[in-house]
């Protein structure tokens, strides 16, 4: 075939694989990833849903179907029900404080400061540290010794993690310290996307700092707020690492969350079926809260 004839043919005729690629469904290229996802995520999840209705101990093949007995036992378990209250209280506190601090940090480093690049790195740095490492760091800071850590700084003698009325708030402070920088970055991205002309026009109209924030900045931060609230809510509801490393759910059951309870039921007491029932309730609860929250926040964005 001469070069002139080859150039006159359609591209699919010159390249035999071209016709195949043009006729292949696009989803076929995602099939390997879908198979891996099914094996690693979908199958274990569906198997867990099945085990939630059995009395399996997690070892061996011996198990029997018990229906809703695990779910009934959970709602009659004082430890499990107490952990639900702790989880909700932690989540509300973390969502409110973390996003409030993150917004203030974003507004602070958004101004024209020479050191703003350094400050952004400093505030974001805790996010990249392992949650377990952060928990052990703050466990030292919360040392009850009056000459060490936070007590030494404040001149107090408080058992931050050993006092049942303070331990949960101490855990919340640890989480907020680590992830406030993450919320800051998301809010900062939203602030960077606001056209400066809008603020200039508001200033010409006589709007003060608060009025510009209330009527210009805050409405345009709605997408960033949606992302932050969703992420912090989901993170709070499934909180495990910081609690397990710092208090292991103690003192007593003061800092138990649903995640720590299901871990202990599975790997300490050998009640794998019961623990997967708790995990199923937690997953459904997180999904329900997330859907309601997303619906409300999306409607708020449209209203803005």
Protein backbone atom coordinates (compact mmCIF):
# COMPACT_ATOMS: atom_id res chain seq x y z
CA UNK A 1 0.00 0.00 0.00
CA UNK A 2 1.45 3.33 -1.06
CA UNK A 3 1.58 6.26 1.41
CA UNK A 4 -1.02 8.20 -0.63
CA UNK A 5 -3.49 5.29 -0.51
CA UNK A 6 -2.88 4.78 3.22
CA UNK A 7 -3.59 8.43 3.95
CA UNK A 8 -6.85 8.23 1.99
CA UNK A 9 -8.19 5.36 4.18
CA UNK A 10 -10.17 6.00 7.41
CA UNK A 11 -8.14 6.07 10.59
CA UNK A 12 -9.78 2.84 11.81
CA UNK A 13 -8.64 1.06 8.64
CA UNK A 14 -5.06 2.29 9.02
CA UNK A 15 -5.04 1.20 12.71
CA UNK A 16 -6.79 -2.14 13.28
CA UNK A 17 -7.14 -1.45 17.01
CA UNK A 18 -8.82 1.89 16.33
CA UNK A 19 -12.12 0.27 15.32
CA UNK A 20 -12.05 -1.90 18.45
CA UNK A 21 -11.41 1.06 20.78
CA UNK A 22 -14.20 3.07 19.18
CA UNK A 23 -16.71 0.25 19.63
CA UNK A 24 -15.67 -0.78 23.17
CA UNK A 25 -18.01 0.45 25.96
CA UNK A 26 -16.27 2.94 28.20
CA UNK A 27 -17.13 0.98 31.36
CA UNK A 28 -14.96 -1.94 30.23
CA UNK A 29 -11.85 0.07 31.12
CA UNK A 30 -13.11 0.51 34.69
CA UNK A 31 -13.82 -3.21 35.07
CA UNK A 32 -10.47 -4.15 36.74
CA UNK A 33 -10.91 -1.41 39.35
CA UNK A 34 -14.55 -2.41 39.88
CA UNK A 35 -13.53 -6.03 40.45
CA UNK A 36 -10.94 -5.00 43.03
CA UNK A 37 -13.48 -2.71 44.72
CA UNK A 38 -16.03 -5.52 44.80
CA UNK A 39 -13.53 -7.94 46.36
CA UNK A 40 -12.12 -5.51 48.92
CA UNK A 41 -15.19 -3.42 49.83
CA UNK A 42 -18.50 -4.82 48.59
CA UNK A 43 -18.02 -8.48 49.49
CA UNK A 44 -16.79 -7.81 53.08
CA UNK A 45 -19.62 -5.31 53.58
CA UNK A 46 -22.31 -7.74 52.40
CA UNK A 47 -20.75 -10.56 54.42
CA UNK A 48 -20.77 -8.31 57.48
CA UNK A 49 -24.47 -7.63 56.98
CA UNK A 50 -25.07 -11.38 57.01
CA UNK A 51 -22.94 -11.99 60.12
CA UNK A 52 -24.92 -9.27 61.95
CA UNK A 53 -27.80 -11.74 62.12
CA UNK A 54 -25.72 -14.66 63.41
CA UNK A 55 -23.94 -15.60 66.64
CA UNK A 56 -20.56 -16.15 64.95
CA UNK A 57 -17.57 -15.75 67.27
CA UNK A 58 -15.20 -14.76 64.47
CA UNK A 59 -13.30 -18.06 64.58
CA UNK A 60 -14.25 -21.22 62.74
CA UNK A 61 -17.30 -22.01 60.67
CA UNK A 62 -19.71 -22.66 63.52
CA UNK A 63 -22.52 -20.10 63.50
CA UNK A 64 -26.28 -20.01 63.57
CA UNK A 65 -28.88 -17.53 62.43
CA UNK A 66 -30.33 -15.51 65.33
CA UNK A 67 -32.44 -12.98 63.46
CA UNK A 68 -32.77 -9.62 65.21
CA UNK A 69 -31.40 -10.88 68.52
CA UNK A 70 -28.13 -8.93 68.15
CA UNK A 71 -29.94 -5.69 67.40
CA UNK A 72 -32.30 -6.25 70.32
CA UNK A 73 -29.35 -6.94 72.61
CA UNK A 74 -27.66 -3.75 71.46
CA UNK A 75 -30.62 -1.56 72.37
CA UNK A 76 -30.71 -3.20 75.81
CA UNK A 77 -26.95 -2.84 76.34
CA UNK A 78 -26.18 0.12 78.61
CA UNK A 79 -22.61 0.34 77.28
CA UNK A 80 -23.73 0.46 73.65
CA UNK A 81 -26.48 2.98 74.32
CA UNK A 82 -24.14 5.14 76.36
CA UNK A 83 -21.64 5.06 73.50
CA UNK A 84 -24.33 6.41 71.16
CA UNK A 85 -24.76 9.43 73.41
CA UNK A 86 -21.01 9.95 73.61
CA UNK A 87 -20.69 9.65 69.84
CA UNK A 88 -23.41 12.23 69.21
CA UNK A 89 -22.02 14.64 71.80
CA UNK A 90 -18.51 14.32 70.39
CA UNK A 91 -19.77 14.81 66.84
CA UNK A 92 -21.77 17.95 67.61
CA UNK A 93 -18.85 19.45 69.55
CA UNK A 94 -16.26 18.60 66.90
CA UNK A 95 -18.40 19.87 64.01
CA UNK A 96 -19.19 23.18 65.71
CA UNK A 97 -15.75 23.98 67.16
CA UNK A 98 -13.62 22.57 64.34
CA UNK A 99 -15.45 24.48 61.63
CA UNK A 100 -15.63 27.65 63.72
CA UNK A 101 -11.89 27.58 64.39
CA UNK A 102 -11.16 26.59 60.78
CA UNK A 103 -13.17 29.55 59.48
CA UNK A 104 -11.39 31.98 61.81
CA UNK A 105 -7.99 30.60 60.75
CA UNK A 106 -8.95 30.86 57.07
CA UNK A 107 -10.03 34.48 57.49
CA UNK A 108 -6.81 35.21 59.38
CA UNK A 109 -4.40 33.76 56.82
CA UNK A 110 -6.40 35.12 53.87
CA UNK A 111 -5.34 38.70 54.57
CA UNK A 112 -2.18 40.14 53.02
CA UNK A 113 0.35 39.07 55.64
CA UNK A 114 3.98 38.40 54.80
CA UNK A 115 3.94 35.29 56.97
CA UNK A 116 0.63 33.90 55.68
CA UNK A 117 2.31 31.09 53.70
CA UNK A 118 4.22 29.95 56.80
CA UNK A 119 1.08 30.20 58.95
CA UNK A 120 -0.88 28.07 56.51
CA UNK A 121 1.75 25.33 56.73
CA UNK A 122 1.88 25.54 60.53
CA UNK A 123 -1.90 25.32 60.94
CA UNK A 124 -2.23 22.48 58.42
CA UNK A 125 0.74 20.44 59.72
CA UNK A 126 -1.20 18.46 62.39
CA UNK A 127 -3.52 17.07 59.69
CA UNK A 128 -0.74 14.98 58.12
CA UNK A 129 0.28 13.41 61.44
CA UNK A 130 -1.12 10.00 62.35
CA UNK A 131 -4.18 10.27 64.62
CA UNK A 132 -2.57 7.74 66.98
CA UNK A 133 0.58 9.87 67.25
CA UNK A 134 -1.55 12.94 67.94
CA UNK A 135 -3.45 11.03 70.63
CA UNK A 136 -0.23 10.00 72.39
CA UNK A 137 1.10 13.56 72.12
CA UNK A 138 -2.02 14.97 73.77
CA UNK A 139 -2.02 12.16 76.31
CA UNK A 140 1.30 13.58 77.49
CA UNK A 141 -0.05 17.15 77.37
CA UNK A 142 -3.02 16.01 79.49
CA UNK A 143 -0.65 14.48 82.04
CA UNK A 144 -2.25 14.76 85.51
CA UNK A 145 1.13 15.69 87.01
CA UNK A 146 0.84 19.35 88.12
CA UNK A 147 4.38 20.05 86.90
CA UNK A 148 3.97 18.64 83.38
CA UNK A 149 2.03 19.38 80.23
CA UNK A 150 -1.08 21.52 80.33
CA UNK A 151 -1.25 21.46 84.12
CA UNK A 152 2.27 22.82 84.36
CA UNK A 153 1.38 25.60 81.91
CA UNK A 154 -1.84 26.56 83.68
CA UNK A 155 -0.63 25.91 87.22
CA UNK A 156 -3.48 23.46 87.86
CA UNK A 157 -3.83 19.86 89.03
CA UNK A 158 -6.54 18.41 86.78
CA UNK A 159 -6.84 14.82 85.60
CA UNK A 160 -8.00 15.69 82.08
CA UNK A 161 -8.38 12.12 80.83
CA UNK A 162 -9.13 10.45 84.19
CA UNK A 163 -12.07 12.62 85.15
CA UNK A 164 -15.30 11.23 83.61
CA UNK A 165 -16.77 14.73 83.26
CA UNK A 166 -13.71 16.08 81.40
CA UNK A 167 -12.37 13.13 79.41
CA UNK A 168 -14.85 13.41 76.53
CA UNK A 169 -14.18 17.13 76.10
CA UNK A 170 -10.44 16.47 76.19
CA UNK A 171 -10.81 14.00 73.32
CA UNK A 172 -12.84 16.57 71.38
CA UNK A 173 -10.08 19.14 71.93
CA UNK A 174 -7.53 16.71 70.51
CA UNK A 175 -9.59 16.10 67.36
CA UNK A 176 -10.28 19.82 66.85
CA UNK A 177 -6.57 20.64 67.23
CA UNK A 178 -5.66 18.10 64.55
CA UNK A 179 -8.34 18.81 61.96
CA UNK A 180 -9.09 22.53 62.29
CA UNK A 181 -6.33 23.11 59.73
CA UNK A 182 -8.13 20.81 57.29
CA UNK A 183 -11.30 22.86 57.59
CA UNK A 184 -9.17 25.99 57.22
CA UNK A 185 -7.82 24.85 53.85
CA UNK A 186 -11.32 24.15 52.50
CA UNK A 187 -12.63 27.52 53.69
CA UNK A 188 -9.51 29.19 52.31
CA UNK A 189 -10.19 27.69 48.88
CA UNK A 190 -13.68 29.17 49.05
CA UNK A 191 -12.33 32.58 50.07
CA UNK A 192 -9.82 32.54 47.21
CA UNK A 193 -12.70 31.96 44.78
CA UNK A 194 -14.64 35.07 45.82
CA UNK A 195 -14.05 37.90 43.30
CA UNK A 196 -12.45 40.90 45.06
CA UNK A 197 -14.68 43.19 42.99
CA UNK A 198 -17.63 42.17 45.14
CA UNK A 199 -15.91 43.37 48.30
CA UNK A 200 -14.82 46.57 46.59
CA UNK A 201 -18.38 47.26 45.46
CA UNK A 202 -19.67 46.61 48.98
CA UNK A 203 -17.07 49.00 50.42
CA UNK A 204 -18.12 51.69 47.95
CA UNK A 205 -21.72 51.19 49.13
CA UNK A 206 -20.56 51.84 52.70
CA UNK A 207 -20.58 48.26 54.02
CA UNK A 208 -18.37 47.63 57.04
CA UNK A 209 -16.24 44.57 57.77
CA UNK A 210 -19.06 42.60 59.42
CA UNK A 211 -21.58 43.54 56.74
CA UNK A 212 -19.18 42.44 53.97
CA UNK A 213 -18.68 39.12 55.72
CA UNK A 214 -22.41 38.65 56.41
CA UNK A 215 -23.76 39.56 52.98
CA UNK A 216 -20.83 38.79 50.63
CA UNK A 217 -18.37 36.30 52.10
CA UNK A 218 -20.66 34.01 54.09
CA UNK A 219 -23.21 33.29 51.32
CA UNK A 220 -20.43 32.53 48.83
CA UNK A 221 -18.79 30.13 51.30
CA UNK A 222 -21.85 27.85 51.20
CA UNK A 223 -20.16 25.10 49.08
CA UNK A 224 -17.10 25.09 51.37
CA UNK A 225 -19.34 24.93 54.43
CA UNK A 226 -21.20 21.96 52.94
CA UNK A 227 -17.97 20.02 52.40
CA UNK A 228 -16.61 20.83 55.85
CA UNK A 229 -19.79 19.94 57.69
CA UNK A 230 -20.13 16.65 55.82
CA UNK A 231 -16.53 15.58 56.42
CA UNK A 232 -16.42 16.60 60.08
CA UNK A 233 -19.78 14.95 60.80
CA UNK A 234 -18.78 11.64 59.25
CA UNK A 235 -15.38 11.79 60.99
CA UNK A 236 -17.01 12.46 64.36
CA UNK A 237 -19.56 9.66 64.04
CA UNK A 238 -16.91 7.03 63.27
CA UNK A 239 -14.24 8.38 65.64
CA UNK A 240 -12.00 5.59 66.93
CA UNK A 241 -8.22 6.18 66.81
CA UNK A 242 -7.95 9.11 69.20
CA UNK A 243 -10.31 7.55 71.75
CA UNK A 244 -8.69 4.13 71.65
CA UNK A 245 -5.13 5.48 71.97
CA UNK A 246 -5.84 8.11 74.63
CA UNK A 247 -8.40 6.51 76.96
CA UNK A 248 -9.48 3.14 75.51
CA UNK A 249 -13.03 4.26 76.23
CA UNK A 250 -12.37 5.10 79.88
CA UNK A 251 -12.56 6.12 82.59
CA UNK A 252 -15.31 3.55 82.92
CA UNK A 253 -17.41 4.07 79.79
CA UNK A 254 -17.09 7.87 79.79
CA UNK A 255 -15.47 8.11 76.35
CA UNK A 256 -16.77 4.96 74.68
CA UNK A 257 -17.95 5.50 71.10
CA UNK A 258 -19.78 3.10 68.84
CA UNK A 259 -16.52 2.37 67.03
CA UNK A 260 -14.65 1.40 70.23
CA UNK A 261 -17.57 -0.72 71.46
CA UNK A 262 -17.79 -2.73 68.24
CA UNK A 263 -14.01 -3.20 68.27
CA UNK A 264 -14.04 -4.57 71.81
CA UNK A 265 -17.02 -6.82 71.17
CA UNK A 266 -15.26 -8.36 68.16
CA UNK A 267 -11.62 -8.60 69.23
CA UNK A 268 -11.79 -8.65 73.03
CA UNK A 269 -14.99 -10.58 73.80
CA UNK A 270 -15.16 -12.62 70.59
CA UNK A 271 -18.74 -11.60 69.76
CA UNK A 272 -18.22 -11.02 66.07
CA UNK A 273 -21.89 -11.30 65.14
CA UNK A 274 -22.89 -8.77 67.81
CA UNK A 275 -20.09 -6.39 66.79
CA UNK A 276 -21.13 -6.48 63.13
CA UNK A 277 -24.69 -5.68 64.21
CA UNK A 278 -23.33 -2.56 65.93
CA UNK A 279 -21.29 -1.76 62.82
CA UNK A 280 -24.42 -2.13 60.68
CA UNK A 281 -26.35 0.29 62.90
CA UNK A 282 -23.43 2.73 62.78
CA UNK A 283 -23.19 2.53 58.98
CA UNK A 284 -26.92 3.08 58.52
CA UNK A 285 -26.90 5.95 60.99
CA UNK A 286 -23.95 7.66 59.26
CA UNK A 287 -25.63 7.22 55.87
CA UNK A 288 -28.95 8.62 57.13
CA UNK A 289 -27.36 11.64 58.82
CA UNK A 290 -25.20 12.34 55.77
CA UNK A 291 -28.14 12.20 53.36
CA UNK A 292 -30.29 14.52 55.49
CA UNK A 293 -27.40 16.89 55.99
CA UNK A 294 -26.49 16.91 52.31
CA UNK A 295 -30.11 17.57 51.32
CA UNK A 296 -30.38 20.52 53.69
CA UNK A 297 -27.00 22.01 52.80
CA UNK A 298 -27.58 21.69 49.05
CA UNK A 299 -30.89 23.47 49.41
CA UNK A 300 -29.11 26.16 51.42
CA UNK A 301 -26.58 26.63 48.63
CA UNK A 302 -29.37 27.11 46.08
CA UNK A 303 -31.16 29.55 48.40
CA UNK A 304 -27.99 31.60 48.78
